[in-house]
Amino acid sequence: MGISPLYSDYSLASSDWSSVIANEMSHVERTLQSVIDSDIVTAFDLANQLLSSGGKRIRPSLLVLSALACDRCDLDQMAYLAAATELVHMASLVHDDVIDESSERRGAATAGDRFGNKISVLGGDYLLSKAFNLLCVHGSQEILQTLSSTAVRMTESEILQASDEGDLALWEADYWRIIDGKTADFMGSCCQCGALLAGADLATCKALRGYGTQLGLAFQIIDDVLDIAGDRSLTGKEIGADLMHGKFTLPVLLALRYSEDGSLRHRLSKGSFSISEAEEIAAIVVSSGGLNEAKSVAVNCAEEAVKHISGLQSSIYTEALTALAAFVISREG
């Protein structure tokens, strides 16, 4: 996958963005480990399994980078708030896996597979409760309001997505609203909360939120691209997993433009598909040009993200944010 020329003049490679905040993220990781502790053994085991399964920690990294880009913040408070964003994300993954009846994520068994759906749903609620406890104790009213509003939008978007499953016309109408609510708004909020923690002015908060929102759109579109043509060993998902659940994402919607005889639309009207059917449709999406067009849209979103922070004081942290945008559009898993 190509990288836009926008990033070619930056000395920090896209793969190096995380090294800039390695010490701060180690602090966040220790904080996460400490706050998931519980004397209910199953609650701790579930949370610890999720934490140990890894992940890119994009959302807490966005909060940390945004706060440091504003030059001043309390590092312990920053770690607690960054941990809260990851707990919200972890909770959403647990619930998603239950909804999708997934048995594997990141190459490992899901919480649902190990603990069952009942415990998994309650475990997701536990993580979400932990997150908002951290926000109440360590965050300002504005930070709490920002992330609680985001949690509402995430839930609404997941409900909309579930309601639209299997209905192509609804996905054509609602795709952008879904990905904005479930991914982009959350990343935008993480950046805004980092700026708020640092006491940044309104213009800076707005700029960083704009960056995060556009980055979130790019991130989700690339997720959708990888669902169609990713390497299962890297994504941990079957090709066409979204199609199997009746989710018609951007590469599929763009491929419809090239199906002049309406055959693809007719095929998609079935609503959900077997593994072999999903793989066949994925191959059509790739050959039609829909996949490459979706990649181009993601690149445009990443470029817009970087434009939002172009007016901020240049630093290693703003450079890392730019490198992160390049990483998002070039990632393979």
Protein backbone atom coordinates (compact mmCIF):
# COMPACT_ATOMS: atom_id res chain seq x y z
CA MET A 1 0.00 0.00 0.00
CA GLY A 2 1.53 3.31 -1.03
CA ILE A 3 2.15 6.27 1.23
CA SER A 4 1.16 9.76 0.17
CA PRO A 5 3.99 12.10 -0.86
CA LEU A 6 2.78 14.32 1.99
CA TYR A 7 4.88 12.23 4.36
CA SER A 8 8.03 11.85 2.28
CA ASP A 9 9.82 14.89 3.70
CA TYR A 10 9.57 13.87 7.35
CA SER A 11 12.63 12.42 9.02
CA LEU A 12 10.64 10.26 11.43
CA ALA A 13 9.64 7.02 9.68
CA SER A 14 6.04 5.88 10.04
CA SER A 15 7.20 2.80 11.95
CA ASP A 16 9.08 4.94 14.49
CA TRP A 17 6.23 7.08 15.80
CA SER A 18 5.79 4.97 18.94
CA SER A 19 9.46 5.25 19.95
CA VAL A 20 8.93 8.94 20.73
CA ILE A 21 6.62 8.07 23.64
CA ALA A 22 8.05 4.68 24.63
CA ASN A 23 8.72 5.72 28.23
CA GLU A 24 5.31 7.35 28.66
CA MET A 25 3.52 4.32 27.18
CA SER A 26 5.42 2.00 29.53
CA HIS A 27 3.96 4.11 32.33
CA VAL A 28 0.49 3.73 30.79
CA GLU A 29 0.97 -0.05 30.54
CA ARG A 30 1.92 -0.29 34.22
CA THR A 31 -1.08 1.83 35.08
CA LEU A 32 -3.39 -0.44 33.09
CA GLN A 33 -2.04 -3.47 34.88
CA SER A 34 -2.62 -1.87 38.27
CA VAL A 35 -6.16 -0.60 37.63
CA ILE A 36 -7.60 -3.90 36.33
CA ASP A 37 -6.89 -5.58 39.68
CA SER A 38 -9.93 -7.13 41.33
CA ASP A 39 -10.60 -9.57 44.17
CA ILE A 40 -13.15 -11.20 41.84
CA VAL A 41 -10.78 -13.64 40.18
CA THR A 42 -12.79 -14.04 36.97
CA ALA A 43 -13.02 -10.27 36.47
CA PHE A 44 -9.26 -9.94 36.78
CA ASP A 45 -8.56 -12.98 34.59
CA LEU A 46 -10.74 -11.66 31.77
CA ALA A 47 -9.25 -8.16 31.93
CA ASN A 48 -5.71 -9.53 32.18
CA GLN A 49 -6.25 -11.80 29.16
CA LEU A 50 -7.34 -8.81 27.09
CA LEU A 51 -4.47 -6.68 28.30
CA SER A 52 -1.93 -9.43 27.63
CA SER A 53 -3.21 -10.00 24.10
CA GLY A 54 -1.45 -6.82 23.02
CA GLY A 55 -2.75 -4.32 20.51
CA LYS A 56 -1.42 -1.11 19.06
CA ARG A 57 -2.58 1.13 21.94
CA ILE A 58 -3.46 3.78 19.35
CA ARG A 59 -6.05 5.55 21.49
CA PRO A 60 -3.93 6.07 24.62
CA SER A 61 -1.01 6.99 22.35
CA LEU A 62 -3.13 9.72 20.77
CA LEU A 63 -3.93 11.18 24.17
CA VAL A 64 -0.27 11.07 25.21
CA LEU A 65 1.06 12.56 21.97
CA SER A 66 -1.58 15.31 21.98
CA ALA A 67 -0.85 16.25 25.58
CA LEU A 68 2.90 16.34 25.01
CA ALA A 69 2.47 18.29 21.77
CA CYS A 70 0.92 20.99 23.97
CA ASP A 71 4.11 21.01 26.04
CA ARG A 72 2.90 20.58 29.60
CA CYS A 73 0.95 18.04 31.66
CA ASP A 74 1.05 15.92 34.79
CA LEU A 75 2.55 12.58 33.68
CA ASP A 76 0.74 10.44 36.28
CA GLN A 77 -2.61 12.03 35.47
CA MET A 78 -1.87 11.56 31.77
CA ALA A 79 -1.18 7.84 32.34
CA TYR A 80 -4.48 7.35 34.17
CA LEU A 81 -6.49 9.13 31.48
CA ALA A 82 -4.69 7.30 28.68
CA ALA A 83 -5.40 4.02 30.48
CA ALA A 84 -9.08 4.96 30.65
CA THR A 85 -9.25 5.34 26.86
CA GLU A 86 -7.73 1.89 26.37
CA LEU A 87 -10.19 0.35 28.84
CA VAL A 88 -13.10 1.84 26.88
CA HIS A 89 -11.61 0.37 23.71
CA MET A 90 -11.07 -3.03 25.31
CA ALA A 91 -14.66 -3.07 26.55
CA SER A 92 -15.92 -2.34 23.05
CA LEU A 93 -13.85 -5.21 21.62
CA VAL A 94 -15.26 -7.67 24.16
CA HIS A 95 -18.81 -6.65 23.31
CA ASP A 96 -18.08 -6.72 19.55
CA ASP A 97 -16.75 -10.27 19.79
CA VAL A 98 -19.89 -11.40 21.62
CA ILE A 99 -22.14 -9.70 19.06
CA ASP A 100 -20.22 -11.20 16.12
CA GLU A 101 -19.85 -14.58 17.84
CA SER A 102 -16.11 -14.41 17.19
CA SER A 103 -13.88 -17.11 18.62
CA GLU A 104 -10.53 -15.52 17.72
CA ARG A 105 -8.95 -12.05 17.86
CA ARG A 106 -5.30 -11.21 17.20
CA GLY A 107 -4.60 -14.91 16.76
CA ALA A 108 -5.86 -15.82 20.25
CA ALA A 109 -9.14 -17.02 21.72
CA THR A 110 -11.64 -14.27 22.49
CA ALA A 111 -13.03 -13.69 25.96
CA GLY A 112 -16.31 -15.14 24.76
CA ASP A 113 -14.60 -18.34 23.66
CA ARG A 114 -12.81 -18.72 26.98
CA PHE A 115 -15.36 -17.39 29.49
CA GLY A 116 -18.67 -17.59 27.62
CA ASN A 117 -20.89 -14.75 26.49
CA LYS A 118 -22.49 -14.01 29.87
CA ILE A 119 -19.18 -13.42 31.66
CA SER A 120 -17.77 -11.59 28.62
CA VAL A 121 -20.59 -9.05 28.52
CA LEU A 122 -20.22 -8.47 32.26
CA GLY A 123 -16.44 -8.26 31.82
CA GLY A 124 -16.87 -5.57 29.18
CA ASP A 125 -19.12 -3.68 31.59
CA TYR A 126 -16.44 -4.06 34.26
CA LEU A 127 -13.78 -2.52 32.02
CA LEU A 128 -16.07 0.34 31.04
CA SER A 129 -16.89 1.00 34.70
CA LYS A 130 -13.19 1.01 35.57
CA ALA A 131 -12.57 3.51 32.78
CA PHE A 132 -15.17 5.99 33.98
CA ASN A 133 -14.01 5.63 37.56
CA LEU A 134 -10.55 6.71 36.40
CA LEU A 135 -12.03 9.64 34.49
CA CYS A 136 -14.01 10.78 37.53
CA VAL A 137 -11.00 10.58 39.84
CA HIS A 138 -8.29 11.92 37.53
CA GLY A 139 -10.07 13.93 34.83
CA SER A 140 -11.72 17.32 34.71
CA GLN A 141 -15.43 17.76 34.14
CA GLU A 142 -14.73 18.70 30.52
CA ILE A 143 -12.63 15.58 29.92
CA LEU A 144 -15.30 13.39 31.54
CA GLN A 145 -18.02 15.03 29.45
CA THR A 146 -15.99 14.61 26.26
CA LEU A 147 -15.36 10.88 26.69
CA SER A 148 -18.80 10.09 28.09
CA SER A 149 -20.39 11.74 25.05
CA THR A 150 -18.10 9.66 22.87
CA ALA A 151 -19.17 6.47 24.66
CA VAL A 152 -22.79 7.32 23.90
CA ARG A 153 -22.00 7.89 20.21
CA MET A 154 -20.01 4.65 20.02
CA THR A 155 -22.94 2.68 21.42
CA GLU A 156 -25.44 4.40 19.15
CA SER A 157 -23.25 3.63 16.14
CA GLU A 158 -22.89 -0.01 17.12
CA ILE A 159 -26.67 -0.25 17.45
CA LEU A 160 -27.07 1.38 14.03
CA GLN A 161 -24.54 -1.03 12.54
CA ALA A 162 -26.30 -4.04 14.04
CA SER A 163 -29.67 -2.73 12.82
CA ASP A 164 -28.31 -2.30 9.28
CA GLU A 165 -26.71 -5.75 9.00
CA GLY A 166 -27.66 -7.51 5.80
CA ASP A 167 -29.34 -4.47 4.23
CA LEU A 168 -27.21 -2.98 1.46
CA ALA A 169 -29.38 0.14 1.03
CA LEU A 170 -29.05 1.00 4.72
CA TRP A 171 -25.27 0.58 4.58
CA GLU A 172 -25.09 2.89 1.59
CA ALA A 173 -26.98 5.50 3.60
CA ASP A 174 -25.29 4.99 6.97
CA TYR A 175 -21.68 3.88 6.36
CA TRP A 176 -20.01 7.20 7.13
CA ARG A 177 -22.21 7.82 10.15
CA ILE A 178 -21.32 4.39 11.51
CA ILE A 179 -17.55 4.72 11.18
CA ASP A 180 -17.57 8.29 12.44
CA GLY A 181 -19.43 7.28 15.58
CA LYS A 182 -17.69 4.02 16.40
CA THR A 183 -14.08 4.92 15.51
CA ALA A 184 -13.39 8.48 14.34
CA ASP A 185 -15.18 10.34 17.14
CA PHE A 186 -13.36 8.25 19.76
CA MET A 187 -9.92 9.00 18.31
CA GLY A 188 -10.83 12.66 18.01
CA SER A 189 -11.88 12.68 21.66
CA CYS A 190 -8.61 11.06 22.75
CA CYS A 191 -6.67 13.88 21.07
CA GLN A 192 -8.97 16.55 22.48
CA CYS A 193 -8.63 15.14 26.01
CA GLY A 194 -4.85 15.21 25.72
CA ALA A 195 -5.05 18.87 24.77
CA LEU A 196 -7.50 19.59 27.59
CA LEU A 197 -5.20 17.89 30.09
CA ALA A 198 -2.37 20.15 28.94
CA GLY A 199 -4.54 23.27 29.33
CA ALA A 200 -4.42 24.05 25.61
CA ASP A 201 -6.49 26.87 24.14
CA LEU A 202 -9.69 26.27 22.17
CA ALA A 203 -8.01 26.50 18.75
CA THR A 204 -5.42 23.86 19.69
CA CYS A 205 -8.07 21.56 21.16
CA LYS A 206 -10.08 21.92 17.95
CA ALA A 207 -7.05 21.26 15.76
CA LEU A 208 -6.08 18.10 17.62
CA ARG A 209 -9.64 16.82 17.69
CA GLY A 210 -9.86 17.40 13.93
CA TYR A 211 -6.62 15.47 13.46
CA GLY A 212 -7.89 12.55 15.53
CA THR A 213 -11.26 12.41 13.80
CA GLN A 214 -9.75 12.30 10.31
CA LEU A 215 -7.15 9.77 11.49
CA GLY A 216 -9.99 7.63 12.85
CA LEU A 217 -11.75 7.66 9.50
CA ALA A 218 -8.52 6.59 7.78
CA PHE A 219 -7.96 3.89 10.41
CA GLN A 220 -11.42 2.39 9.99
CA ILE A 221 -11.31 2.46 6.20
CA ILE A 222 -7.98 0.61 6.26
CA ASP A 223 -9.56 -1.91 8.64
CA ASP A 224 -12.27 -2.38 6.01
CA VAL A 225 -9.63 -2.75 3.29
CA LEU A 226 -7.80 -5.39 5.31
CA ASP A 227 -11.04 -7.30 5.82
CA ILE A 228 -11.26 -7.66 2.04
CA ALA A 229 -7.62 -8.31 1.18
CA GLY A 230 -5.56 -8.59 4.35
CA ASP A 231 -3.18 -11.32 5.41
CA ARG A 232 -5.01 -13.50 7.92
CA SER A 233 -1.77 -14.21 9.78
CA LEU A 234 -1.49 -10.47 10.45
CA THR A 235 -5.15 -9.47 10.85
CA GLY A 236 -6.31 -12.53 12.76
CA LYS A 237 -9.52 -12.52 10.69
CA GLU A 238 -10.95 -14.50 7.82
CA ILE A 239 -11.08 -12.69 4.48
CA GLY A 240 -14.56 -11.21 4.12
CA ALA A 241 -15.47 -11.55 7.81
CA ASP A 242 -17.54 -8.37 7.64
CA LEU A 243 -19.42 -9.69 4.63
CA MET A 244 -20.22 -12.88 6.50
CA HIS A 245 -21.97 -10.71 9.10
CA GLY A 246 -23.82 -8.59 6.54
CA LYS A 247 -21.58 -5.53 6.89
CA PHE A 248 -21.06 -3.70 3.61
CA THR A 249 -18.00 -1.49 4.05
CA LEU A 250 -16.44 1.16 1.83
CA PRO A 251 -14.47 -1.10 -0.57
CA VAL A 252 -17.68 -3.04 -1.28
CA LEU A 253 -19.78 0.10 -1.67
CA LEU A 254 -17.24 1.60 -4.08
CA ALA A 255 -17.07 -1.63 -6.08
CA LEU A 256 -20.79 -1.26 -6.81
CA ARG A 257 -19.93 1.69 -9.05
CA TYR A 258 -18.09 -0.62 -11.44
CA SER A 259 -20.74 -3.31 -11.61
CA GLU A 260 -22.61 -1.89 -14.60
CA ASP A 261 -24.91 -4.85 -15.06
CA GLY A 262 -26.01 -4.82 -11.41
CA SER A 263 -24.75 -8.34 -10.80
CA LEU A 264 -22.77 -7.42 -7.70
CA ARG A 265 -25.71 -5.54 -6.19
CA HIS A 266 -27.95 -8.54 -6.88
CA ARG A 267 -25.43 -10.84 -5.25
CA LEU A 268 -25.11 -8.63 -2.19
CA SER A 269 -28.88 -8.53 -1.75
CA LYS A 270 -28.62 -11.95 -0.11
CA GLY A 271 -27.50 -10.11 3.03
CA SER A 272 -24.99 -12.50 4.59
CA PHE A 273 -22.61 -15.07 3.18
CA SER A 274 -20.65 -18.24 3.77
CA ILE A 275 -16.86 -18.13 3.96
CA SER A 276 -16.50 -19.21 0.33
CA GLU A 277 -19.13 -16.71 -0.87
CA ALA A 278 -17.46 -13.89 1.06
CA GLU A 279 -14.08 -14.76 -0.46
CA GLU A 280 -15.59 -14.70 -3.95
CA ILE A 281 -17.17 -11.29 -3.36
CA ALA A 282 -13.89 -10.00 -1.88
CA ALA A 283 -12.10 -11.07 -5.07
CA ILE A 284 -14.66 -9.15 -7.15
CA VAL A 285 -14.15 -6.05 -4.98
CA VAL A 286 -10.39 -6.25 -5.53
CA SER A 287 -10.59 -6.81 -9.29
CA SER A 288 -13.19 -4.05 -9.76
CA GLY A 289 -10.96 -1.32 -8.37
CA GLY A 290 -13.15 -0.73 -5.31
CA LEU A 291 -10.34 -1.75 -2.97
CA ASN A 292 -7.80 0.68 -4.43
CA GLU A 293 -10.33 3.49 -4.43
CA ALA A 294 -11.02 2.87 -0.74
CA LYS A 295 -7.27 3.04 -0.05
CA SER A 296 -7.17 6.42 -1.81
CA VAL A 297 -10.00 7.69 0.37
CA ALA A 298 -8.07 6.59 3.46
CA VAL A 299 -4.97 8.43 2.25
CA ASN A 300 -7.05 11.58 1.74
CA CYS A 301 -8.37 11.33 5.29
CA ALA A 302 -4.83 10.92 6.65
CA GLU A 303 -3.70 13.97 4.68
CA GLU A 304 -6.60 15.97 6.10
CA ALA A 305 -5.60 14.83 9.59
CA VAL A 306 -2.10 16.22 9.19
CA LYS A 307 -3.44 19.51 7.79
CA HIS A 308 -5.36 20.02 11.03
CA ILE A 309 -2.14 20.13 13.07
CA SER A 310 -0.03 22.02 10.54
CA GLY A 311 -0.42 25.23 12.54
CA LEU A 312 0.77 23.78 15.85
CA GLN A 313 4.23 24.47 17.22
CA SER A 314 6.56 21.96 15.55
CA SER A 315 8.04 19.34 17.87
CA ILE A 316 9.03 15.71 17.99
CA TYR A 317 5.46 15.00 19.11
CA THR A 318 3.76 16.72 16.17
CA GLU A 319 6.22 14.89 13.92
CA ALA A 320 5.19 11.63 15.60
CA LEU A 321 1.53 12.47 14.95
CA THR A 322 2.37 12.94 11.28
CA ALA A 323 4.30 9.66 11.24
CA LEU A 324 1.35 7.95 12.92
CA ALA A 325 -0.91 9.10 10.08
CA ALA A 326 1.50 7.48 7.62
CA PHE A 327 1.58 4.32 9.72
CA VAL A 328 -2.23 4.07 9.77
CA ILE A 329 -2.53 4.06 5.98
CA SER A 330 0.40 1.67 5.46
CA ARG A 331 -0.36 -0.91 8.14
CA GLU A 332 -1.05 -4.52 7.25
CA GLY A 333 -2.62 -5.76 10.45
